[in-house]
PDB file of N, CA and C in Angstrom:
ATOM      1  N   UNK A   1       8.850 -11.106   9.512  1.00  0.00           N
ATOM      2  CA  UNK A   1       7.621 -10.554   8.978  1.00  0.00           C
ATOM      3  C   UNK A   1       7.308 -11.241   7.651  1.00  0.00           C
ATOM      4  N   UNK A   2       6.024 -11.546   7.462  1.00  0.00           N
ATOM      5  CA  UNK A   2       5.546 -12.143   6.214  1.00  0.00           C
ATOM      6  C   UNK A   2       4.294 -11.399   5.754  1.00  0.00           C
ATOM      7  N   UNK A   3       3.974 -11.565   4.490  1.00  0.00           N
ATOM      8  CA  UNK A   3       2.713 -11.090   3.934  1.00  0.00           C
ATOM      9  C   UNK A   3       1.832 -12.318   3.781  1.00  0.00           C
ATOM     10  N   UNK A   4       0.581 -12.227   4.238  1.00  0.00           N
ATOM     11  CA  UNK A   4      -0.339 -13.362   4.244  1.00  0.00           C
ATOM     12  C   UNK A   4      -1.528 -13.042   3.342  1.00  0.00           C
ATOM     13  N   UNK A   5      -1.874 -14.025   2.535  1.00  0.00           N
ATOM     14  CA  UNK A   5      -3.026 -13.877   1.645  1.00  0.00           C
ATOM     15  C   UNK A   5      -3.796 -15.193   1.616  1.00  0.00           C
ATOM     16  N   UNK A   6      -5.117 -15.114   1.660  1.00  0.00           N
ATOM     17  CA  UNK A   6      -5.941 -16.305   1.547  1.00  0.00           C
ATOM     18  C   UNK A   6      -5.924 -16.844   0.130  1.00  0.00           C
ATOM     19  N   UNK A   7      -5.954 -18.163   0.000  1.00  0.00           N
ATOM     20  CA  UNK A   7      -5.947 -18.814  -1.306  1.00  0.00           C
ATOM     21  C   UNK A   7      -7.221 -19.632  -1.438  1.00  0.00           C
ATOM     22  N   UNK A   8      -8.085 -19.233  -2.361  1.00  0.00           N
ATOM     23  CA  UNK A   8      -9.349 -19.961  -2.547  1.00  0.00           C
ATOM     24  C   UNK A   8      -9.261 -21.003  -3.657  1.00  0.00           C
ATOM     25  N   UNK A   9      -8.063 -21.265  -4.139  1.00  0.00           N
ATOM     26  CA  UNK A   9      -7.797 -22.289  -5.166  1.00  0.00           C
ATOM     27  C   UNK A   9      -8.404 -21.953  -6.523  1.00  0.00           C
ATOM     28  N   UNK A  10      -8.831 -20.719  -6.713  1.00  0.00           N
ATOM     29  CA  UNK A  10      -9.361 -20.279  -8.002  1.00  0.00           C
ATOM     30  C   UNK A  10      -8.477 -19.156  -8.520  1.00  0.00           C
ATOM     31  N   UNK A  11      -7.581 -19.430  -9.466  1.00  0.00           N
ATOM     32  CA  UNK A  11      -6.663 -18.404  -9.947  1.00  0.00           C
ATOM     33  C   UNK A  11      -7.378 -17.189 -10.539  1.00  0.00           C
ATOM     34  N   UNK A  12      -8.576 -17.394 -11.053  1.00  0.00           N
ATOM     35  CA  UNK A  12      -9.309 -16.270 -11.636  1.00  0.00           C
ATOM     36  C   UNK A  12      -9.822 -15.288 -10.592  1.00  0.00           C
ATOM     37  N   UNK A  13     -10.005 -15.730  -9.350  1.00  0.00           N
ATOM     38  CA  UNK A  13     -10.530 -14.807  -8.335  1.00  0.00           C
ATOM     39  C   UNK A  13      -9.519 -13.699  -8.029  1.00  0.00           C
ATOM     40  N   UNK A  14      -8.238 -14.009  -7.994  1.00  0.00           N
ATOM     41  CA  UNK A  14      -7.229 -12.973  -7.776  1.00  0.00           C
ATOM     42  C   UNK A  14      -7.218 -11.993  -8.940  1.00  0.00           C
ATOM     43  N   UNK A  15      -7.355 -12.501 -10.138  1.00  0.00           N
ATOM     44  CA  UNK A  15      -7.389 -11.634 -11.312  1.00  0.00           C
ATOM     45  C   UNK A  15      -8.601 -10.692 -11.240  1.00  0.00           C
ATOM     46  N   UNK A  16      -9.763 -11.241 -10.890  1.00  0.00           N
ATOM     47  CA  UNK A  16     -10.967 -10.397 -10.783  1.00  0.00           C
ATOM     48  C   UNK A  16     -10.796  -9.327  -9.709  1.00  0.00           C
ATOM     49  N   UNK A  17     -10.223  -9.703  -8.569  1.00  0.00           N
ATOM     50  CA  UNK A  17     -10.016  -8.727  -7.507  1.00  0.00           C
ATOM     51  C   UNK A  17      -9.044  -7.639  -7.951  1.00  0.00           C
ATOM     52  N   UNK A  18      -7.975  -8.028  -8.631  1.00  0.00           N
ATOM     53  CA  UNK A  18      -6.990  -7.059  -9.106  1.00  0.00           C
ATOM     54  C   UNK A  18      -7.609  -6.095 -10.113  1.00  0.00           C
ATOM     55  N   UNK A  19      -8.445  -6.613 -10.997  1.00  0.00           N
ATOM     56  CA  UNK A  19      -9.125  -5.761 -11.977  1.00  0.00           C
ATOM     57  C   UNK A  19     -10.118  -4.821 -11.301  1.00  0.00           C
ATOM     58  N   UNK A  20     -10.837  -5.314 -10.310  1.00  0.00           N
ATOM     59  CA  UNK A  20     -11.787  -4.463  -9.579  1.00  0.00           C
ATOM     60  C   UNK A  20     -11.047  -3.339  -8.856  1.00  0.00           C
ATOM     61  N   UNK A  21      -9.893  -3.645  -8.298  1.00  0.00           N
ATOM     62  CA  UNK A  21      -9.081  -2.626  -7.634  1.00  0.00           C
ATOM     63  C   UNK A  21      -8.717  -1.522  -8.625  1.00  0.00           C
ATOM     64  N   UNK A  22      -8.268  -1.894  -9.805  1.00  0.00           N
ATOM     65  CA  UNK A  22      -7.859  -0.897 -10.809  1.00  0.00           C
ATOM     66  C   UNK A  22      -9.045  -0.047 -11.265  1.00  0.00           C
ATOM     67  N   UNK A  23     -10.212  -0.663 -11.407  1.00  0.00           N
ATOM     68  CA  UNK A  23     -11.408   0.115 -11.787  1.00  0.00           C
ATOM     69  C   UNK A  23     -11.782   1.108 -10.686  1.00  0.00           C
ATOM     70  N   UNK A  24     -11.611   0.697  -9.427  1.00  0.00           N
ATOM     71  CA  UNK A  24     -11.991   1.566  -8.313  1.00  0.00           C
ATOM     72  C   UNK A  24     -11.030   2.731  -8.150  1.00  0.00           C
ATOM     73  N   UNK A  25      -9.737   2.513  -8.381  1.00  0.00           N
ATOM     74  CA  UNK A  25      -8.715   3.564  -8.247  1.00  0.00           C
ATOM     75  C   UNK A  25      -7.906   3.685  -9.536  1.00  0.00           C
ATOM     76  N   UNK A  26      -8.536   4.128 -10.632  1.00  0.00           N
ATOM     77  CA  UNK A  26      -7.844   4.178 -11.929  1.00  0.00           C
ATOM     78  C   UNK A  26      -6.658   5.151 -11.961  1.00  0.00           C
ATOM     79  N   UNK A  27      -6.706   6.202 -11.196  1.00  0.00           N
ATOM     80  CA  UNK A  27      -5.619   7.189 -11.222  1.00  0.00           C
ATOM     81  C   UNK A  27      -4.295   6.599 -10.726  1.00  0.00           C
ATOM     82  N   UNK A  28      -4.370   5.558  -9.922  1.00  0.00           N
ATOM     83  CA  UNK A  28      -3.148   4.951  -9.386  1.00  0.00           C
ATOM     84  C   UNK A  28      -2.428   4.116 -10.447  1.00  0.00           C
ATOM     85  N   UNK A  29      -3.152   3.694 -11.466  1.00  0.00           N
ATOM     86  CA  UNK A  29      -2.608   2.902 -12.573  1.00  0.00           C
ATOM     87  C   UNK A  29      -1.899   1.630 -12.106  1.00  0.00           C
ATOM     88  N   UNK A  30      -2.490   0.981 -11.146  1.00  0.00           N
ATOM     89  CA  UNK A  30      -1.960  -0.278 -10.619  1.00  0.00           C
ATOM     90  C   UNK A  30      -3.115  -1.249 -10.420  1.00  0.00           C
ATOM     91  N   UNK A  31      -2.806  -2.510 -10.483  1.00  0.00           N
ATOM     92  CA  UNK A  31      -3.720  -3.552 -10.044  1.00  0.00           C
ATOM     93  C   UNK A  31      -3.394  -3.807  -8.582  1.00  0.00           C
ATOM     94  N   UNK A  32      -4.371  -4.298  -7.831  1.00  0.00           N
ATOM     95  CA  UNK A  32      -4.106  -4.508  -6.421  1.00  0.00           C
ATOM     96  C   UNK A  32      -4.855  -5.694  -5.841  1.00  0.00           C
ATOM     97  N   UNK A  33      -4.231  -6.303  -4.842  1.00  0.00           N
ATOM     98  CA  UNK A  33      -4.814  -7.425  -4.117  1.00  0.00           C
ATOM     99  C   UNK A  33      -4.694  -7.169  -2.621  1.00  0.00           C
ATOM    100  N   UNK A  34      -5.688  -7.585  -1.881  1.00  0.00           N
ATOM    101  CA  UNK A  34      -5.674  -7.437  -0.432  1.00  0.00           C
ATOM    102  C   UNK A  34      -4.803  -8.512   0.208  1.00  0.00           C
ATOM    103  N   UNK A  35      -4.109  -8.115   1.258  1.00  0.00           N
ATOM    104  CA  UNK A  35      -3.273  -9.047   2.015  1.00  0.00           C
ATOM    105  C   UNK A  35      -3.073  -8.461   3.409  1.00  0.00           C
ATOM    106  N   UNK A  36      -2.299  -9.153   4.217  1.00  0.00           N
ATOM    107  CA  UNK A  36      -2.024  -8.727   5.586  1.00  0.00           C
ATOM    108  C   UNK A  36      -0.545  -8.939   5.907  1.00  0.00           C
ATOM    109  N   UNK A  37      -0.018  -8.074   6.742  1.00  0.00           N
ATOM    110  CA  UNK A  37       1.292  -8.308   7.346  1.00  0.00           C
ATOM    111  C   UNK A  37       1.099  -9.185   8.573  1.00  0.00           C
ATOM    112  N   UNK A  38       2.057 -10.046   8.839  1.00  0.00           N
ATOM    113  CA  UNK A  38       2.073 -10.819  10.086  1.00  0.00           C
ATOM    114  C   UNK A  38       3.513 -10.845  10.585  1.00  0.00           C
ATOM    115  N   UNK A  39       3.690 -10.504  11.845  1.00  0.00           N
ATOM    116  CA  UNK A  39       5.033 -10.423  12.408  1.00  0.00           C
ATOM    117  C   UNK A  39       5.613 -11.781  12.774  1.00  0.00           C
ATOM    118  N   UNK A  40       4.743 -12.765  13.052  1.00  0.00           N
ATOM    119  CA  UNK A  40       5.242 -14.076  13.477  1.00  0.00           C
ATOM    120  C   UNK A  40       4.140 -15.115  13.276  1.00  0.00           C
ATOM    121  N   UNK A  41       4.447 -16.362  13.647  1.00  0.00           N
ATOM    122  CA  UNK A  41       3.468 -17.439  13.466  1.00  0.00           C
ATOM    123  C   UNK A  41       2.193 -17.213  14.272  1.00  0.00           C
ATOM    124  N   UNK A  42       2.300 -16.582  15.439  1.00  0.00           N
ATOM    125  CA  UNK A  42       1.095 -16.297  16.232  1.00  0.00           C
ATOM    126  C   UNK A  42       0.181 -15.324  15.490  1.00  0.00           C
ATOM    127  N   UNK A  43       0.773 -14.328  14.843  1.00  0.00           N
ATOM    128  CA  UNK A  43      -0.029 -13.363  14.077  1.00  0.00           C
ATOM    129  C   UNK A  43      -0.689 -14.042  12.875  1.00  0.00           C
ATOM    130  N   UNK A  44       0.025 -14.992  12.241  1.00  0.00           N
ATOM    131  CA  UNK A  44      -0.569 -15.753  11.136  1.00  0.00           C
ATOM    132  C   UNK A  44      -1.753 -16.560  11.654  1.00  0.00           C
ATOM    133  N   UNK A  45      -1.587 -17.195  12.803  1.00  0.00           N
ATOM    134  CA  UNK A  45      -2.675 -17.984  13.390  1.00  0.00           C
ATOM    135  C   UNK A  45      -3.875 -17.102  13.724  1.00  0.00           C
ATOM    136  N   UNK A  46      -3.626 -15.900  14.223  1.00  0.00           N
ATOM    137  CA  UNK A  46      -4.723 -14.969  14.511  1.00  0.00           C
ATOM    138  C   UNK A  46      -5.483 -14.603  13.237  1.00  0.00           C
ATOM    139  N   UNK A  47      -4.744 -14.315  12.168  1.00  0.00           N
ATOM    140  CA  UNK A  47      -5.392 -13.995  10.893  1.00  0.00           C
ATOM    141  C   UNK A  47      -6.213 -15.185  10.388  1.00  0.00           C
ATOM    142  N   UNK A  48      -5.654 -16.388  10.527  1.00  0.00           N
ATOM    143  CA  UNK A  48      -6.344 -17.591  10.067  1.00  0.00           C
ATOM    144  C   UNK A  48      -7.641 -17.817  10.835  1.00  0.00           C
ATOM    145  N   UNK A  49      -7.659 -17.451  12.087  1.00  0.00           N
ATOM    146  CA  UNK A  49      -8.836 -17.673  12.925  1.00  0.00           C
ATOM    147  C   UNK A  49      -9.854 -16.541  12.820  1.00  0.00           C
ATOM    148  N   UNK A  50      -9.470 -15.427  12.195  1.00  0.00           N
ATOM    149  CA  UNK A  50     -10.354 -14.268  12.162  1.00  0.00           C
ATOM    150  C   UNK A  50     -10.578 -13.791  10.722  1.00  0.00           C
ATOM    151  N   UNK A  51      -9.778 -12.852  10.244  1.00  0.00           N
ATOM    152  CA  UNK A  51     -10.019 -12.244   8.936  1.00  0.00           C
ATOM    153  C   UNK A  51      -9.971 -13.226   7.773  1.00  0.00           C
ATOM    154  N   UNK A  52      -9.167 -14.274   7.888  1.00  0.00           N
ATOM    155  CA  UNK A  52      -8.990 -15.191   6.764  1.00  0.00           C
ATOM    156  C   UNK A  52      -9.584 -16.568   7.026  1.00  0.00           C
ATOM    157  N   UNK A  53     -10.538 -16.652   7.934  1.00  0.00           N
ATOM    158  CA  UNK A  53     -11.074 -17.953   8.327  1.00  0.00           C
ATOM    159  C   UNK A  53     -11.797 -18.683   7.205  1.00  0.00           C
ATOM    160  N   UNK A  54     -12.285 -17.977   6.209  1.00  0.00           N
ATOM    161  CA  UNK A  54     -13.026 -18.641   5.126  1.00  0.00           C
ATOM    162  C   UNK A  54     -12.110 -19.355   4.137  1.00  0.00           C
ATOM    163  N   UNK A  55     -10.806 -19.120   4.221  1.00  0.00           N
ATOM    164  CA  UNK A  55      -9.858 -19.752   3.313  1.00  0.00           C
ATOM    165  C   UNK A  55      -9.288 -21.022   3.929  1.00  0.00           C
ATOM    166  N   UNK A  56      -9.278 -22.089   3.159  1.00  0.00           N
ATOM    167  CA  UNK A  56      -8.696 -23.345   3.633  1.00  0.00           C
ATOM    168  C   UNK A  56      -7.174 -23.258   3.694  1.00  0.00           C
ATOM    169  N   UNK A  57      -6.597 -22.466   2.799  1.00  0.00           N
ATOM    170  CA  UNK A  57      -5.145 -22.362   2.708  1.00  0.00           C
ATOM    171  C   UNK A  57      -4.744 -20.896   2.695  1.00  0.00           C
ATOM    172  N   UNK A  58      -3.698 -20.591   3.437  1.00  0.00           N
ATOM    173  CA  UNK A  58      -3.103 -19.264   3.426  1.00  0.00           C
ATOM    174  C   UNK A  58      -1.744 -19.361   2.748  1.00  0.00           C
ATOM    175  N   UNK A  59      -1.407 -18.361   1.965  1.00  0.00           N
ATOM    176  CA  UNK A  59      -0.090 -18.286   1.328  1.00  0.00           C
ATOM    177  C   UNK A  59       0.715 -17.213   2.052  1.00  0.00           C
ATOM    178  N   UNK A  60       1.929 -17.562   2.406  1.00  0.00           N
ATOM    179  CA  UNK A  60       2.819 -16.653   3.111  1.00  0.00           C
ATOM    180  C   UNK A  60       3.953 -16.255   2.180  1.00  0.00           C
ATOM    181  N   UNK A  61       4.224 -14.962   2.126  1.00  0.00           N
ATOM    182  CA  UNK A  61       5.220 -14.416   1.215  1.00  0.00           C
ATOM    183  C   UNK A  61       6.241 -13.586   1.977  1.00  0.00           C
ATOM    184  N   UNK A  62       7.454 -13.627   1.508  1.00  0.00           N
ATOM    185  CA  UNK A  62       8.509 -12.758   2.011  1.00  0.00           C
ATOM    186  C   UNK A  62       8.313 -11.399   1.332  1.00  0.00           C
ATOM    187  N   UNK A  63       8.140 -10.317   2.101  1.00  0.00           N
ATOM    188  CA  UNK A  63       7.941  -9.008   1.471  1.00  0.00           C
ATOM    189  C   UNK A  63       9.090  -8.614   0.543  1.00  0.00           C
ATOM    190  N   UNK A  64      10.306  -8.984   0.886  1.00  0.00           N
ATOM    191  CA  UNK A  64      11.468  -8.651   0.046  1.00  0.00           C
ATOM    192  C   UNK A  64      11.357  -9.366  -1.306  1.00  0.00           C
ATOM    193  N   UNK A  65      10.912 -10.624  -1.297  1.00  0.00           N
ATOM    194  CA  UNK A  65      10.744 -11.374  -2.548  1.00  0.00           C
ATOM    195  C   UNK A  65       9.641 -10.769  -3.403  1.00  0.00           C
ATOM    196  N   UNK A  66       8.565 -10.309  -2.770  1.00  0.00           N
ATOM    197  CA  UNK A  66       7.491  -9.660  -3.522  1.00  0.00           C
ATOM    198  C   UNK A  66       8.001  -8.390  -4.192  1.00  0.00           C
ATOM    199  N   UNK A  67       8.719  -7.581  -3.441  1.00  0.00           N
ATOM    200  CA  UNK A  67       9.256  -6.331  -3.993  1.00  0.00           C
ATOM    201  C   UNK A  67      10.222  -6.633  -5.132  1.00  0.00           C
ATOM    202  N   UNK A  68      11.062  -7.648  -4.960  1.00  0.00           N
ATOM    203  CA  UNK A  68      11.998  -8.042  -6.014  1.00  0.00           C
ATOM    204  C   UNK A  68      11.263  -8.502  -7.273  1.00  0.00           C
ATOM    205  N   UNK A  69      10.047  -9.041  -7.106  1.00  0.00           N
ATOM    206  CA  UNK A  69       9.239  -9.496  -8.240  1.00  0.00           C
ATOM    207  C   UNK A  69       8.430  -8.359  -8.860  1.00  0.00           C
ATOM    208  N   UNK A  70       8.596  -7.150  -8.351  1.00  0.00           N
ATOM    209  CA  UNK A  70       7.902  -6.003  -8.924  1.00  0.00           C
ATOM    210  C   UNK A  70       6.580  -5.664  -8.284  1.00  0.00           C
ATOM    211  N   UNK A  71       6.321  -6.202  -7.102  1.00  0.00           N
ATOM    212  CA  UNK A  71       5.067  -5.927  -6.397  1.00  0.00           C
ATOM    213  C   UNK A  71       5.336  -4.948  -5.262  1.00  0.00           C
ATOM    214  N   UNK A  72       4.552  -3.880  -5.218  1.00  0.00           N
ATOM    215  CA  UNK A  72       4.639  -2.938  -4.104  1.00  0.00           C
ATOM    216  C   UNK A  72       3.788  -3.472  -2.954  1.00  0.00           C
ATOM    217  N   UNK A  73       4.316  -3.426  -1.753  1.00  0.00           N
ATOM    218  CA  UNK A  73       3.559  -3.818  -0.559  1.00  0.00           C
ATOM    219  C   UNK A  73       3.210  -2.514   0.146  1.00  0.00           C
ATOM    220  N   UNK A  74       1.945  -2.098   0.017  1.00  0.00           N
ATOM    221  CA  UNK A  74       1.508  -0.773   0.454  1.00  0.00           C
ATOM    222  C   UNK A  74       0.587  -0.897   1.661  1.00  0.00           C
ATOM    223  N   UNK A  75       0.978  -0.331   2.819  1.00  0.00           N
ATOM    224  CA  UNK A  75       0.072  -0.329   3.975  1.00  0.00           C
ATOM    225  C   UNK A  75      -1.213   0.418   3.622  1.00  0.00           C
ATOM    226  N   UNK A  76      -2.357  -0.178   3.947  1.00  0.00           N
ATOM    227  CA  UNK A  76      -3.643   0.440   3.644  1.00  0.00           C
ATOM    228  C   UNK A  76      -4.599   0.250   4.817  1.00  0.00           C
ATOM    229  N   UNK A  77      -5.560   1.117   4.898  1.00  0.00           N
ATOM    230  CA  UNK A  77      -6.563   1.074   5.954  1.00  0.00           C
ATOM    231  C   UNK A  77      -5.876   1.009   7.313  1.00  0.00           C
ATOM    232  N   UNK A  78      -6.107  -0.049   8.038  1.00  0.00           N
ATOM    233  CA  UNK A  78      -5.488  -0.229   9.349  1.00  0.00           C
ATOM    234  C   UNK A  78      -4.512  -1.392   9.305  1.00  0.00           C
ATOM    235  N   UNK A  79      -3.476  -1.273  10.091  1.00  0.00           N
ATOM    236  CA  UNK A  79      -2.545  -2.390  10.229  1.00  0.00           C
ATOM    237  C   UNK A  79      -3.346  -3.573  10.773  1.00  0.00           C
ATOM    238  N   UNK A  80      -3.176  -4.742  10.259  1.00  0.00           N
ATOM    239  CA  UNK A  80      -2.116  -5.243   9.397  1.00  0.00           C
ATOM    240  C   UNK A  80      -2.469  -5.298   7.909  1.00  0.00           C
ATOM    241  N   UNK A  81      -3.510  -4.568   7.460  1.00  0.00           N
ATOM    242  CA  UNK A  81      -3.906  -4.605   6.051  1.00  0.00           C
ATOM    243  C   UNK A  81      -2.836  -3.999   5.164  1.00  0.00           C
ATOM    244  N   UNK A  82      -2.605  -4.658   4.015  1.00  0.00           N
ATOM    245  CA  UNK A  82      -1.727  -4.119   2.984  1.00  0.00           C
ATOM    246  C   UNK A  82      -2.375  -4.381   1.635  1.00  0.00           C
ATOM    247  N   UNK A  83      -1.961  -3.620   0.641  1.00  0.00           N
ATOM    248  CA  UNK A  83      -2.343  -3.872  -0.739  1.00  0.00           C
ATOM    249  C   UNK A  83      -1.100  -4.303  -1.485  1.00  0.00           C
ATOM    250  N   UNK A  84      -1.219  -5.369  -2.244  1.00  0.00           N
ATOM    251  CA  UNK A  84      -0.146  -5.809  -3.121  1.00  0.00           C
ATOM    252  C   UNK A  84      -0.445  -5.191  -4.474  1.00  0.00           C
ATOM    253  N   UNK A  85       0.367  -4.215  -4.887  1.00  0.00           N
ATOM    254  CA  UNK A  85       0.104  -3.432  -6.092  1.00  0.00           C
ATOM    255  C   UNK A  85       1.152  -3.729  -7.161  1.00  0.00           C
ATOM    256  N   UNK A  86       0.674  -3.823  -8.414  1.00  0.00           N
ATOM    257  CA  UNK A  86       1.571  -4.114  -9.522  1.00  0.00           C
ATOM    258  C   UNK A  86       0.984  -3.540 -10.794  1.00  0.00           C
ATOM    259  N   UNK A  87       1.835  -3.243 -11.757  1.00  0.00           N
ATOM    260  CA  UNK A  87       1.397  -2.586 -12.979  1.00  0.00           C
ATOM    261  C   UNK A  87       0.969  -3.510 -14.097  1.00  0.00           C
ATOM    262  N   UNK A  88       1.478  -4.728 -14.126  1.00  0.00           N
ATOM    263  CA  UNK A  88       1.185  -5.653 -15.216  1.00  0.00           C
ATOM    264  C   UNK A  88       0.394  -6.837 -14.677  1.00  0.00           C
ATOM    265  N   UNK A  89      -0.857  -6.933 -15.068  1.00  0.00           N
ATOM    266  CA  UNK A  89      -1.738  -7.988 -14.552  1.00  0.00           C
ATOM    267  C   UNK A  89      -1.273  -9.375 -14.974  1.00  0.00           C
ATOM    268  N   UNK A  90      -0.751  -9.499 -16.180  1.00  0.00           N
ATOM    269  CA  UNK A  90      -0.361 -10.819 -16.666  1.00  0.00           C
ATOM    270  C   UNK A  90       0.985 -11.287 -16.140  1.00  0.00           C
ATOM    271  N   UNK A  91       1.815 -10.373 -15.678  1.00  0.00           N
ATOM    272  CA  UNK A  91       3.123 -10.752 -15.141  1.00  0.00           C
ATOM    273  C   UNK A  91       3.243 -10.526 -13.646  1.00  0.00           C
ATOM    274  N   UNK A  92       2.652  -9.442 -13.150  1.00  0.00           N
ATOM    275  CA  UNK A  92       2.838  -9.043 -11.755  1.00  0.00           C
ATOM    276  C   UNK A  92       2.478 -10.084 -10.725  1.00  0.00           C
ATOM    277  N   UNK A  93       1.207 -10.467 -10.677  1.00  0.00           N
ATOM    278  CA  UNK A  93       0.817 -11.410  -9.631  1.00  0.00           C
ATOM    279  C   UNK A  93       1.265 -12.839  -9.924  1.00  0.00           C
ATOM    280  N   UNK A  94       1.139 -13.347 -11.147  1.00  0.00           N
ATOM    281  CA  UNK A  94       1.625 -14.720 -11.373  1.00  0.00           C
ATOM    282  C   UNK A  94       3.094 -14.895 -10.998  1.00  0.00           C
ATOM    283  N   UNK A  95       3.939 -13.927 -11.333  1.00  0.00           N
ATOM    284  CA  UNK A  95       5.356 -14.028 -10.990  1.00  0.00           C
ATOM    285  C   UNK A  95       5.532 -13.953  -9.480  1.00  0.00           C
ATOM    286  N   UNK A  96       4.749 -13.131  -8.830  1.00  0.00           N
ATOM    287  CA  UNK A  96       4.845 -12.974  -7.383  1.00  0.00           C
ATOM    288  C   UNK A  96       4.383 -14.226  -6.656  1.00  0.00           C
ATOM    289  N   UNK A  97       3.359 -14.872  -7.178  1.00  0.00           N
ATOM    290  CA  UNK A  97       2.865 -16.112  -6.544  1.00  0.00           C
ATOM    291  C   UNK A  97       3.962 -17.156  -6.446  1.00  0.00           C
ATOM    292  N   UNK A  98       4.875 -17.131  -7.381  1.00  0.00           N
ATOM    293  CA  UNK A  98       5.974 -18.090  -7.363  1.00  0.00           C
ATOM    294  C   UNK A  98       6.913 -17.840  -6.188  1.00  0.00           C
ATOM    295  N   UNK A  99       6.832 -16.658  -5.588  1.00  0.00           N
ATOM    296  CA  UNK A  99       7.704 -16.351  -4.455  1.00  0.00           C
ATOM    297  C   UNK A  99       7.061 -16.751  -3.122  1.00  0.00           C
ATOM    298  N   UNK A 100       5.960 -17.491  -3.176  1.00  0.00           N
ATOM    299  CA  UNK A 100       5.312 -17.951  -1.954  1.00  0.00           C
ATOM    300  C   UNK A 100       6.294 -18.758  -1.116  1.00  0.00           C
ATOM    301  N   UNK A 101       6.441 -18.378   0.142  1.00  0.00           N
ATOM    302  CA  UNK A 101       7.362 -19.050   1.041  1.00  0.00           C
ATOM    303  C   UNK A 101       6.820 -20.406   1.454  1.00  0.00           C
ATOM    304  N   UNK A 102       5.538 -20.417   1.823  1.00  0.00           N
ATOM    305  CA  UNK A 102       4.923 -21.641   2.316  1.00  0.00           C
ATOM    306  C   UNK A 102       3.427 -21.430   2.409  1.00  0.00           C
ATOM    307  N   UNK A 103       2.748 -22.508   2.674  1.00  0.00           N
ATOM    308  CA  UNK A 103       1.311 -22.466   2.881  1.00  0.00           C
ATOM    309  C   UNK A 103       1.028 -22.812   4.331  1.00  0.00           C
ATOM    310  N   UNK A 104      -0.075 -22.315   4.822  1.00  0.00           N
ATOM    311  CA  UNK A 104      -0.502 -22.639   6.182  1.00  0.00           C
ATOM    312  C   UNK A 104      -1.992 -22.924   6.136  1.00  0.00           C
ATOM    313  N   UNK A 105      -2.414 -23.953   6.846  1.00  0.00           N
ATOM    314  CA  UNK A 105      -3.834 -24.263   6.913  1.00  0.00           C
ATOM    315  C   UNK A 105      -4.514 -23.432   7.978  1.00  0.00           C
ATOM    316  N   UNK A 106      -5.787 -23.201   7.816  1.00  0.00           N
ATOM    317  CA  UNK A 106      -6.555 -22.530   8.856  1.00  0.00           C
ATOM    318  C   UNK A 106      -6.819 -23.544   9.966  1.00  0.00           C
ATOM    319  N   UNK A 107      -7.303 -23.110  11.125  1.00  0.00           N
ATOM    320  CA  UNK A 107      -7.448 -24.029  12.260  1.00  0.00           C
ATOM    321  C   UNK A 107      -8.234 -25.307  11.975  1.00  0.00           C
ATOM    322  N   UNK A 108      -9.203 -25.255  11.066  1.00  0.00           N
ATOM    323  CA  UNK A 108      -9.989 -26.455  10.795  1.00  0.00           C
ATOM    324  C   UNK A 108      -9.564 -27.155   9.506  1.00  0.00           C
ATOM    325  N   UNK A 109      -8.460 -26.721   8.918  1.00  0.00           N
ATOM    326  CA  UNK A 109      -8.004 -27.307   7.659  1.00  0.00           C
ATOM    327  C   UNK A 109      -6.526 -27.681   7.740  1.00  0.00           C
ATOM    328  N   UNK A 110      -6.158 -28.717   7.032  1.00  0.00           N
ATOM    329  CA  UNK A 110      -4.760 -29.041   6.843  1.00  0.00           C
ATOM    330  C   UNK A 110      -4.207 -28.088   5.787  1.00  0.00           C
ATOM    331  N   UNK A 111      -2.887 -27.944   5.687  1.00  0.00           N
ATOM    332  CA  UNK A 111      -2.321 -27.042   4.675  1.00  0.00           C
ATOM    333  C   UNK A 111      -2.781 -27.342   3.253  1.00  0.00           C
ATOM    334  N   UNK A 112      -3.099 -28.573   2.942  1.00  0.00           N
ATOM    335  CA  UNK A 112      -3.539 -28.913   1.591  1.00  0.00           C
ATOM    336  C   UNK A 112      -4.992 -28.522   1.350  1.00  0.00           C
ATOM    337  N   UNK A 113      -5.675 -28.015   2.365  1.00  0.00           N
ATOM    338  CA  UNK A 113      -7.063 -27.625   2.219  1.00  0.00           C
ATOM    339  C   UNK A 113      -8.031 -28.742   2.522  1.00  0.00           C
ATOM    340  N   UNK A 114      -7.546 -29.847   3.046  1.00  0.00           N
ATOM    341  CA  UNK A 114      -8.401 -30.974   3.401  1.00  0.00           C
ATOM    342  C   UNK A 114      -8.868 -30.791   4.835  1.00  0.00           C
ATOM    343  N   UNK A 115     -10.173 -30.905   5.112  1.00  0.00           N
ATOM    344  CA  UNK A 115     -10.645 -30.712   6.482  1.00  0.00           C
ATOM    345  C   UNK A 115      -9.956 -31.654   7.456  1.00  0.00           C
ATOM    346  N   UNK A 116      -9.627 -31.144   8.637  1.00  0.00           N
ATOM    347  CA  UNK A 116      -9.061 -31.969   9.694  1.00  0.00           C
ATOM    348  C   UNK A 116     -10.149 -32.901  10.223  1.00  0.00           C
ATOM    349  N   UNK A 117      -9.772 -34.042  10.767  1.00  0.00           N
ATOM    350  CA  UNK A 117     -10.788 -34.984  11.262  1.00  0.00           C
ATOM    351  C   UNK A 117     -11.688 -34.378  12.335  1.00  0.00           C
ATOM    352  N   UNK A 118     -11.195 -33.388  13.080  1.00  0.00           N
ATOM    353  CA  UNK A 118     -12.002 -32.791  14.141  1.00  0.00           C
ATOM    354  C   UNK A 118     -12.819 -31.602  13.664  1.00  0.00           C
ATOM    355  N   UNK A 119     -12.738 -31.281  12.391  1.00  0.00           N
ATOM    356  CA  UNK A 119     -13.451 -30.133  11.844  1.00  0.00           C
ATOM    357  C   UNK A 119     -14.952 -30.324  11.975  1.00  0.00           C
ATOM    358  N   UNK A 120     -15.633 -29.233  12.282  1.00  0.00           N
ATOM    359  CA  UNK A 120     -17.091 -29.271  12.361  1.00  0.00           C
ATOM    360  C   UNK A 120     -17.734 -28.680  11.137  1.00  0.00           C
ATOM    361  N   UNK A 121     -16.905 -28.290  10.150  1.00  0.00           N
ATOM    362  CA  UNK A 121     -17.490 -27.693   8.945  1.00  0.00           C
ATOM    363  C   UNK A 121     -18.195 -28.756   8.122  1.00  0.00           C
ATOM    364  N   UNK A 122     -19.226 -28.327   7.382  1.00  0.00           N
ATOM    365  CA  UNK A 122     -19.964 -29.287   6.567  1.00  0.00           C
ATOM    366  C   UNK A 122     -19.725 -29.073   5.111  1.00  0.00           C
TER     367      UNK A 122
END
């Protein structure tokens, strides 16, 4: 099992999302980021082709490593949605990002985010 999150190559976008989460649910006193559980490579491929198709690169995380870094992995809404919750915005997510297991490209992108030669995107 891995946790999957889209990477738009803009470090500030994760910060903005985490801050918006805290404003929306202030009583929880946590920052939060959206992510997904995936049981295997097929589930990652499904996410890449559907919910995360707009991202050129996906980041895959070991849930145990995230928890060890101080991030709660909280099931939310419907499976496979999860929230990555942490109390310190300046330490929580940056430290957790370092626990990224690997990157995966979406069907029309290479892992580095470069379009594949057969891509039809413009």
